Protein backbone atom coordinates (compact mmCIF):
# COMPACT_ATOMS: atom_id res chain seq x y z
CA SER A 1 56.80 -281.70 57.43
CA LYS A 2 57.64 -283.90 60.39
CA LYS A 3 55.43 -286.50 61.99
CA TYR A 4 55.55 -286.66 65.78
CA ASP A 5 53.11 -289.54 66.43
CA SER A 6 55.94 -291.99 67.05
CA ILE A 7 57.68 -289.89 69.72
CA ILE A 8 54.66 -288.45 71.59
CA THR A 9 53.10 -291.07 73.83
CA PRO A 10 50.62 -290.92 76.74
CA SER A 11 53.53 -291.09 79.19
CA ASN A 12 55.38 -288.07 77.76
CA THR A 13 52.61 -285.89 76.33
CA PRO A 14 53.79 -282.24 76.35
CA ILE A 15 51.59 -279.27 77.30
CA ALA A 16 52.26 -277.81 73.86
CA VAL A 17 54.63 -278.13 70.92
CA ILE A 18 56.44 -275.27 69.18
CA CYS A 19 56.10 -276.05 65.50
CA ASP A 20 55.45 -274.66 62.05
CA LYS A 21 52.29 -275.21 60.05
CA ASN A 22 53.66 -278.37 58.38
CA ALA A 23 54.06 -280.35 61.60
CA ILE A 24 51.79 -283.39 61.93
CA LEU A 25 50.71 -283.83 65.55
CA PRO A 26 48.08 -285.84 67.43
CA GLN A 27 44.80 -283.95 67.68
CA ASN A 28 44.96 -283.46 71.46
CA ILE A 29 48.29 -281.56 71.39
CA HIS A 30 48.26 -277.77 71.66
CA ARG A 31 50.33 -276.04 69.00
CA ILE A 32 52.40 -272.89 69.26
CA LEU A 33 52.69 -272.00 65.58
CA VAL A 34 55.80 -270.10 64.49
CA GLU A 35 57.37 -269.22 61.14
CA ASN A 36 60.74 -270.79 62.01
CA SER A 37 60.61 -273.48 64.69
CA ARG A 38 64.41 -273.76 64.97
CA LEU A 39 64.76 -270.03 65.56
CA ALA A 40 61.96 -270.10 68.13
CA THR A 41 63.53 -273.08 69.87
CA ALA A 42 66.96 -271.44 70.17
CA ASN A 43 65.37 -268.29 71.60
CA ALA A 44 63.22 -270.35 73.95
CA TYR A 45 66.19 -272.23 75.42
CA CYS A 46 68.23 -269.04 75.72
CA ARG A 47 65.39 -267.40 77.67
CA PHE A 48 64.66 -270.55 79.68
CA GLU A 49 68.27 -270.57 80.90
CA ARG A 50 68.04 -266.79 81.46
CA PHE A 51 71.29 -266.36 79.61
CA THR A 52 72.50 -262.88 78.79
CA PRO A 53 76.20 -262.36 78.05
CA GLU A 54 76.72 -259.62 80.61
CA GLY A 55 80.35 -259.38 81.69
CA MET A 56 81.45 -262.08 79.25
CA LYS A 57 83.04 -261.71 75.81
CA ILE A 58 81.92 -264.23 73.17
CA ILE A 59 84.35 -265.14 70.39
CA GLY A 60 83.14 -267.24 67.44
CA VAL A 61 85.44 -269.06 65.01
CA THR A 62 84.16 -270.45 61.73
CA GLY A 63 85.65 -271.89 58.54
CA THR A 64 86.17 -275.27 56.91
CA ASN A 65 89.55 -276.08 58.45
CA GLY A 66 91.51 -274.72 61.38
CA LYS A 67 88.55 -273.88 63.64
CA THR A 68 89.65 -276.03 66.55
CA THR A 69 93.30 -274.97 66.45
CA THR A 70 92.48 -271.26 66.07
CA ALA A 71 89.86 -271.39 68.84
CA SER A 72 92.21 -273.35 71.10
CA LEU A 73 95.04 -270.86 70.55
CA ILE A 74 92.70 -267.98 71.41
CA LYS A 75 91.59 -269.81 74.54
CA ASN A 76 95.19 -270.56 75.57
CA ILE A 77 96.34 -266.96 75.03
CA LEU A 78 93.41 -265.53 76.99
CA SER A 79 93.95 -268.01 79.81
CA ASP A 80 97.65 -267.18 79.89
CA VAL A 81 96.98 -263.46 80.32
CA GLY A 82 94.46 -263.97 83.09
CA TYR A 83 91.02 -264.50 81.56
CA LYS A 84 88.86 -267.29 82.92
CA THR A 85 87.84 -268.82 79.63
CA GLY A 86 85.17 -271.24 78.53
CA PHE A 87 85.68 -273.32 75.39
CA ILE A 88 83.05 -274.91 73.14
CA GLY A 89 84.60 -276.86 70.29
CA THR A 90 84.58 -280.06 68.29
CA GLY A 91 84.21 -282.89 70.77
CA LYS A 92 85.22 -280.74 73.75
CA ILE A 93 83.58 -278.32 76.18
CA SER A 94 85.66 -276.93 79.04
CA ILE A 95 85.84 -274.26 81.69
CA GLY A 96 89.48 -273.39 82.26
CA ASP A 97 91.26 -276.76 82.31
CA GLU A 98 88.18 -278.72 83.39
CA ILE A 99 86.45 -280.72 80.67
CA ILE A 100 82.69 -280.72 81.29
CA ASN A 101 81.26 -282.57 78.28
CA GLU A 102 79.98 -286.13 78.24
CA PRO A 103 82.51 -288.80 77.08
CA ASN A 104 80.89 -289.36 73.67
CA TYR A 105 80.22 -285.70 72.91
CA SER A 106 81.16 -285.17 69.25
CA MET A 107 79.46 -282.03 67.94
CA THR A 108 81.17 -278.80 66.91
CA THR A 109 78.41 -276.45 68.11
CA PRO A 110 75.92 -278.00 70.56
CA ASP A 111 72.19 -278.02 70.03
CA PRO A 112 70.30 -275.24 71.90
CA PRO A 113 69.39 -277.26 75.04
CA LEU A 114 73.06 -277.96 75.78
CA LEU A 115 74.46 -274.75 74.30
CA TYR A 116 72.53 -272.29 76.45
CA ARG A 117 72.77 -274.43 79.57
CA THR A 118 76.55 -274.52 79.05
CA LEU A 119 76.83 -270.77 78.45
CA LYS A 120 74.84 -270.11 81.61
CA GLN A 121 77.08 -272.50 83.54
CA MET A 122 80.19 -270.73 82.24
CA GLN A 123 78.75 -267.39 83.25
CA MET A 124 77.81 -268.64 86.72
CA GLN A 125 81.35 -269.95 87.20
CA GLY A 126 82.81 -266.55 86.43
CA CYS A 127 84.09 -266.90 82.87
CA ASP A 128 85.29 -263.60 81.38
CA ALA A 129 85.26 -265.00 77.85
CA VAL A 130 83.89 -267.92 75.85
CA VAL A 131 85.57 -269.14 72.68
CA MET A 132 83.23 -271.10 70.40
CA GLU A 133 83.63 -272.98 67.18
CA VAL A 134 80.58 -272.10 65.10
CA SER A 135 79.72 -274.59 62.37
CA SER A 136 77.82 -273.86 59.17
CA HIS A 137 75.12 -276.25 60.38
CA ALA A 138 74.76 -274.26 63.61
CA LEU A 139 74.35 -271.04 61.64
CA ALA A 140 71.94 -272.49 59.08
CA LEU A 141 69.86 -274.20 61.78
CA GLU A 142 69.66 -271.05 63.94
CA LYS A 143 71.44 -272.58 66.96
CA VAL A 144 73.31 -269.36 67.75
CA ALA A 145 70.60 -266.95 66.60
CA PRO A 146 70.09 -265.35 70.06
CA LEU A 147 73.80 -264.53 70.40
CA THR A 148 75.73 -261.43 69.39
CA PHE A 149 79.41 -262.22 69.05
CA ASP A 150 81.96 -259.68 70.24
CA TYR A 151 84.55 -261.13 67.84
CA ALA A 152 84.16 -263.45 64.86
CA VAL A 153 86.99 -265.18 63.00
CA PHE A 154 87.00 -266.60 59.45
CA THR A 155 89.75 -269.19 58.82
CA ASN A 156 89.11 -270.43 55.25
CA LEU A 157 86.48 -272.10 53.10
CA SER A 158 86.57 -275.05 50.72
CA PRO A 159 83.92 -277.51 49.46
CA GLU A 160 82.45 -279.48 52.36
CA HIS A 161 79.04 -280.61 53.65
CA THR A 162 77.56 -280.64 50.15
CA ASP A 163 75.13 -283.26 51.44
CA PHE A 164 73.58 -280.52 53.60
CA HIS A 165 74.27 -277.19 51.83
CA ARG A 166 74.07 -278.54 48.25
CA ASP A 167 76.76 -276.18 46.89
CA ILE A 168 79.60 -273.97 48.07
CA ASP A 169 77.64 -270.73 47.65
CA ASN A 170 75.03 -271.89 50.16
CA TYR A 171 77.86 -273.10 52.40
CA PHE A 172 79.57 -269.69 52.23
CA ASN A 173 76.32 -267.82 52.88
CA ALA A 174 75.70 -269.95 55.97
CA LYS A 175 79.20 -269.18 57.28
CA PHE A 176 78.84 -265.48 56.55
CA ARG A 177 75.82 -265.21 58.82
CA LEU A 178 78.24 -265.17 61.76
CA PHE A 179 79.69 -261.85 60.61
CA ASN A 180 76.29 -260.19 60.52
CA LYS A 181 76.15 -260.95 64.24
CA SER A 182 79.62 -259.73 65.25
CA ARG A 183 80.88 -256.44 66.65
CA CYS A 184 84.37 -257.07 65.19
CA SER A 185 85.34 -259.56 62.47
CA ILE A 186 88.79 -260.94 61.59
CA PHE A 187 89.35 -262.52 58.16
CA ASN A 188 92.08 -264.57 56.47
CA ILE A 189 92.22 -262.67 53.18
CA ASP A 190 94.66 -265.10 51.56
CA ASP A 191 91.65 -267.38 51.26
CA GLU A 192 89.38 -266.64 48.29
CA TYR A 193 86.22 -266.76 50.39
CA GLY A 194 87.87 -264.98 53.28
CA LYS A 195 88.56 -262.06 50.97
CA LYS A 196 84.98 -262.22 49.69
CA ALA A 197 83.62 -262.21 53.25
CA TYR A 198 85.90 -259.30 54.20
CA SER A 199 84.68 -257.21 51.27
CA ARG A 200 81.03 -257.99 52.08
CA CYS A 201 81.30 -257.33 55.83
CA GLU A 202 79.85 -253.93 56.75
CA GLY A 203 80.91 -253.74 60.41
CA LYS A 204 84.31 -253.32 62.02
CA LYS A 205 86.72 -255.68 60.29
CA ILE A 206 90.40 -256.66 60.29
CA SER A 207 92.23 -258.40 57.45
CA ALA A 208 95.13 -260.81 57.98
CA GLY A 209 97.33 -262.64 55.51
CA ILE A 210 100.73 -263.80 54.35
CA LEU A 211 100.48 -263.58 50.58
CA TRP A 212 98.32 -260.47 50.80
CA ARG A 213 99.33 -257.68 53.14
CA GLY A 214 96.30 -256.89 55.24
CA ASP A 215 95.90 -254.91 58.44
CA VAL A 216 97.97 -257.73 59.93
CA TRP A 217 100.50 -259.81 58.03
CA ALA A 218 103.15 -262.46 58.59
CA ASN A 219 106.51 -262.61 56.82
CA ASN A 220 109.90 -264.29 57.23
CA VAL A 221 108.03 -267.59 57.55
CA GLU A 222 110.34 -270.54 58.23
CA GLY A 223 109.26 -274.14 58.66
CA LEU A 224 111.20 -276.13 61.26
CA GLY A 225 109.74 -279.56 60.56
CA PHE A 226 108.54 -281.26 63.73
CA ASP A 227 110.00 -278.39 65.78
CA GLY A 228 107.30 -276.00 64.59
CA LEU A 229 107.77 -272.79 62.65
CA LYS A 230 108.97 -269.21 62.92
CA TYR A 231 107.62 -265.99 61.47
CA THR A 232 107.29 -262.27 62.10
CA TYR A 233 103.88 -260.87 63.09
CA ASN A 234 103.36 -257.36 61.70
CA THR A 235 100.93 -254.47 61.98
CA ASN A 236 101.42 -250.84 60.94
CA LYS A 237 102.23 -250.01 64.59
CA PHE A 238 104.43 -252.88 65.78
CA SER A 239 105.93 -256.28 64.94
CA PHE A 240 107.30 -259.22 66.90
CA LYS A 241 108.84 -262.61 66.17
CA ILE A 242 107.03 -265.84 66.89
CA HIS A 243 108.42 -269.35 67.36
CA LEU A 244 105.34 -271.54 67.31
CA GLN A 245 106.04 -275.02 68.61
CA ILE A 246 103.19 -276.48 66.56
CA PRO A 247 104.22 -277.94 63.16
CA GLY A 248 102.33 -277.26 59.93
CA MET A 249 102.78 -274.17 57.80
CA TYR A 250 98.99 -273.67 57.78
CA ASN A 251 99.28 -272.93 61.49
CA VAL A 252 100.78 -269.57 60.59
CA TYR A 253 97.25 -268.56 59.58
CA ASN A 254 95.64 -270.12 62.65
CA SER A 255 98.07 -268.38 64.99
CA ILE A 256 97.97 -264.90 63.40
CA LEU A 257 94.16 -264.99 63.50
CA ALA A 258 94.30 -266.00 67.17
CA ALA A 259 96.91 -263.35 68.01
CA THR A 260 94.96 -260.64 66.18
CA THR A 261 91.76 -261.50 68.04
CA CYS A 262 93.44 -261.36 71.45
CA ILE A 263 95.29 -258.11 70.70
CA GLU A 264 92.03 -256.56 69.52
CA MET A 265 90.50 -257.66 72.84
CA GLY A 266 93.14 -255.63 74.66
CA CYS A 267 95.89 -258.15 75.36
CA LYS A 268 99.37 -256.65 75.17
CA PRO A 269 101.43 -257.79 72.15
CA CYS A 270 104.24 -258.95 74.46
CA GLU A 271 101.74 -261.12 76.37
CA VAL A 272 100.38 -262.59 73.16
CA LYS A 273 103.89 -263.35 71.88
CA LYS A 274 104.84 -265.13 75.10
CA ALA A 275 101.61 -267.12 75.22
CA LEU A 276 101.83 -268.19 71.56
CA CYS A 277 105.43 -269.28 71.89
CA ASN A 278 104.44 -271.45 74.88
CA CYS A 279 101.41 -273.06 73.21
CA GLU A 280 101.62 -276.79 72.64
CA ALA A 281 99.94 -278.80 69.89
CA VAL A 282 96.19 -279.21 70.17
CA ASP A 283 95.12 -282.80 70.90
CA GLY A 284 94.65 -284.70 67.67
CA ARG A 285 95.96 -281.90 65.45
CA PHE A 286 99.44 -282.72 64.11
CA GLU A 287 100.01 -284.56 67.39
CA ILE A 288 103.37 -286.37 67.29
CA ILE A 289 104.29 -289.52 69.19
CA ASN A 290 108.03 -289.99 68.80
CA ASP A 291 109.70 -293.37 69.16
CA LYS A 292 112.10 -295.10 66.79
CA ILE A 293 109.48 -294.06 64.28
CA SER A 294 107.28 -290.96 64.38
CA VAL A 295 103.52 -291.45 64.54
CA ILE A 296 101.36 -288.44 63.67
CA ILE A 297 97.71 -288.24 64.73
CA ASP A 298 95.53 -285.69 62.95
CA TYR A 299 91.81 -284.98 62.72
CA ALA A 300 91.89 -283.98 59.03
CA HIS A 301 88.69 -285.23 57.43
CA THR A 302 88.19 -282.73 54.60
CA SER A 303 90.17 -283.14 51.41
CA GLU A 304 91.86 -279.74 51.90
CA ALA A 305 92.93 -280.50 55.48
CA PHE A 306 94.04 -283.97 54.38
CA SER A 307 96.14 -282.45 51.59
CA ALA A 308 97.63 -279.86 53.97
CA ILE A 309 98.83 -282.38 56.55
CA LEU A 310 100.14 -284.91 54.00
CA SER A 311 101.93 -282.31 51.87
CA GLU A 312 103.56 -280.98 55.05
CA LEU A 313 104.70 -284.46 56.06
CA HIS A 314 105.91 -285.16 52.53
CA SER A 315 108.01 -281.98 52.56
CA ILE A 316 109.79 -282.87 55.80
CA LYS A 317 110.18 -286.65 55.48
CA GLY A 318 113.36 -286.55 53.39
CA ASN A 319 114.45 -290.13 52.65
CA ARG A 320 112.08 -291.59 55.19
CA ARG A 321 109.00 -293.54 54.17
CA LEU A 322 105.56 -292.08 54.86
CA THR A 323 102.65 -294.45 55.54
CA VAL A 324 99.14 -293.02 55.85
CA VAL A 325 96.17 -294.80 57.44
CA PHE A 326 92.76 -293.23 56.82
CA GLY A 327 89.08 -293.78 56.12
CA CYS A 328 86.01 -291.58 55.61
CA GLY A 329 82.98 -291.05 57.81
CA GLY A 330 79.62 -292.56 57.00
CA ASP A 331 76.48 -290.47 56.42
CA ARG A 332 78.69 -287.61 55.28
CA ASP A 333 79.72 -286.00 51.99
CA ARG A 334 80.47 -288.89 49.59
CA ALA A 335 82.04 -286.68 46.92
CA LYS A 336 85.22 -286.17 48.93
CA ARG A 337 85.99 -289.87 49.31
CA PRO A 338 87.79 -290.47 45.98
CA ARG A 339 89.56 -287.11 46.34
CA MET A 340 91.09 -288.34 49.59
CA ALA A 341 92.50 -291.33 47.70
CA GLU A 342 94.07 -289.06 45.06
CA ILE A 343 95.75 -286.99 47.77
CA ALA A 344 97.02 -290.01 49.70
CA GLU A 345 98.46 -291.53 46.52
CA LYS A 346 100.18 -288.24 45.67
CA TYR A 347 102.04 -287.77 48.95
CA ALA A 348 102.38 -291.14 50.74
CA ASP A 349 104.71 -294.04 50.03
CA ARG A 350 102.21 -296.51 51.45
CA VAL A 351 98.44 -296.16 51.90
CA ILE A 352 96.19 -298.28 54.10
CA ILE A 353 92.42 -297.73 53.79
CA THR A 354 90.30 -298.51 56.81
CA GLN A 355 87.05 -297.54 58.51
CA ASP A 356 86.34 -294.28 60.32
CA ASN A 357 82.95 -293.79 62.01
CA SER A 358 80.93 -295.64 59.39
CA ARG A 359 77.69 -294.77 61.25
CA ASN A 360 74.71 -296.15 59.30
CA GLU A 361 76.68 -296.99 56.17
CA SER A 362 78.57 -300.15 55.38
CA ALA A 363 82.32 -299.71 55.90
CA LYS A 364 82.86 -301.77 52.75
CA ASP A 365 80.72 -299.37 50.70
CA ILE A 366 82.63 -296.36 52.03
CA ILE A 367 85.96 -298.01 51.20
CA SER A 368 84.65 -298.78 47.69
CA ASP A 369 83.91 -295.07 47.24
CA ILE A 370 87.41 -294.16 48.39
CA ILE A 371 89.34 -296.55 46.17
CA ARG A 372 87.69 -295.17 43.02
CA GLY A 373 90.10 -292.25 43.37
CA PHE A 374 93.29 -294.30 43.06
CA LYS A 375 95.03 -294.16 39.71
CA ARG A 376 97.83 -296.69 40.27
CA GLY A 377 96.10 -299.17 42.55
CA SER A 378 98.88 -298.83 45.15
CA TYR A 379 96.88 -299.24 48.33
CA GLU A 380 95.97 -301.82 50.97
CA ILE A 381 92.61 -302.39 52.64
CA LYS A 382 92.32 -303.32 56.29
CA GLU A 383 88.74 -302.68 57.34
CA ASP A 384 89.47 -303.11 61.05
CA ARG A 385 91.06 -299.80 62.09
CA GLU A 386 93.05 -301.29 64.96
CA GLU A 387 94.57 -303.88 62.62
CA ALA A 388 95.37 -301.15 60.09
CA ILE A 389 97.21 -299.05 62.70
CA LYS A 390 99.18 -302.03 63.98
CA ALA A 391 100.11 -303.12 60.47
CA ALA A 392 101.41 -299.65 59.60
CA ILE A 393 103.53 -299.38 62.76
CA LEU A 394 104.87 -302.94 62.92
CA SER A 395 106.07 -302.86 59.30
CA ALA A 396 107.69 -299.40 59.50
CA ASN A 397 111.45 -299.02 59.37
CA ASP A 398 113.31 -296.98 61.96
CA SER A 399 112.82 -293.22 61.45
CA ASP A 400 109.78 -293.77 59.16
CA LEU A 401 106.65 -291.61 59.51
CA VAL A 402 103.21 -293.12 60.09
CA ALA A 403 100.22 -290.78 59.83
CA ILE A 404 96.94 -291.92 61.40
CA ILE A 405 94.36 -289.53 59.96
CA GLY A 406 90.69 -288.80 60.57
CA LYS A 407 89.79 -289.39 64.21
CA GLY A 408 92.19 -287.03 65.95
CA PRO A 409 91.21 -286.68 69.64
CA GLU A 410 88.18 -288.98 69.45
CA LYS A 411 88.11 -291.91 71.83
CA TYR A 412 85.27 -293.79 70.18
CA ASN A 413 84.20 -295.33 66.93
CA ILE A 414 80.64 -295.05 65.60
CA ASP A 415 78.86 -297.72 63.59
CA LYS A 416 75.22 -298.64 63.05
CA ASN A 417 75.09 -300.03 66.60
CA GLY A 418 76.21 -296.76 68.17
CA TYR A 419 79.34 -295.62 69.98
CA HIS A 420 82.17 -298.00 70.95
CA PRO A 421 85.32 -297.17 72.95
CA PHE A 422 88.29 -296.76 70.64
CA ASP A 423 91.50 -295.13 71.90
CA GLU A 424 93.98 -294.70 69.05
CA ARG A 425 96.75 -293.52 71.37
CA GLN A 426 96.53 -296.70 73.42
CA ILE A 427 96.57 -298.80 70.23
CA ILE A 428 99.58 -296.83 68.95
CA ARG A 429 101.48 -297.22 72.25
CA CYS A 430 100.84 -300.97 72.29
CA ALA A 431 101.95 -301.31 68.66
CA LEU A 432 105.12 -299.30 69.30
CA LYS A 433 105.93 -301.49 72.31
CA GLU A 434 105.39 -304.62 70.23
CA ARG A 435 107.53 -303.20 67.43
CA ASN A 436 110.36 -302.41 69.84
CA GLU A 437 110.22 -305.92 71.32
CA THR A 438 110.24 -307.45 67.83
CA THR A 439 113.20 -305.37 66.63
CA LYS A 440 115.12 -305.53 69.93
CA TYR A 441 117.43 -308.29 68.77
CA ALA A 442 117.19 -307.67 65.05
CA TYR A 443 120.76 -306.45 64.87
């Protein structure tokens, strides 16, 4: 039950409140009783905005990791071949190249008031397609209930959001709801849960993999370090070679899922190949700032994504030293915090623990949770994130790698007092400039 006395006042008394039978309301408020108030609310906002997806394809992307990159690649391909495309993703909403979200927007899938207003705006501005990241929270909380997706994509699944879903089975079931609402579904079947979702899906479905040969498969995969990767994209009817300029072997999966979606939508394979080969890195996802050292910015905040980026950097660093700076978000899954420490200790030569959107928790308490995962005690603590970034860069040797992990494209930090401007790129540029001035006459 939820008590509304504190938010309903004489100055903002509504005509009525949509609620379930457990809601506690002042006596003078009319009630519209429903079985599921979240479902009713999503439908109400969709109808209020008079949104119907006529003339517009809706593509949903879900999974634990890779949602933003996969969705961004789909958006870039579609835009390249002539679609006017809307994008709704983590921390970003855009129409074509125009960003339309508020500066501190941070959600993956917006709440219904913003979601359906945005979809209507995209439709009114002539979008042919909308690519959306669809979170497990959005599915469980009925945010997208009024929508039927033309295409749905499953990237992968690993333990996450246990504070909300309780266990991975509930998490999977929430994700799978997207594929009950899709006309065509595309699955990464190399992933255990992707294969499970593919087998359970009863509608039109396409399988994609590298280890397993699905309807679509990639082979001849070659990592090129910071220069990206190469592979061959195959179907039973055709194949073509891809040189993706985005580093990270896991981006083979993200790009074949994106390519498959666009080809299924009717894009010509030659157009998809050209568009993919021209795609640049997504902001805050394996973003590289090259100087005398290389600084990598990445949004990884799950243990699996963290392991993927650090293992990739470890494999290409050679004799160079890898320093990683990271923290964990407050009011989020605490179980992953010590796992992040284990991963950092495994792959990095130097580890600096810092804060990352502590929200309503104490940064010191979060850091205490993290350091329980270290086995050798080889870490440093610098609670101030700006100081941690500067320390990592200023002490690096020429050609070293410094990975700043967790915030990715965000330009804010969140603590118990709210949002505060925090631009990691500006901090990195200033630190690199200071480093170059310091080392200018070192030889």
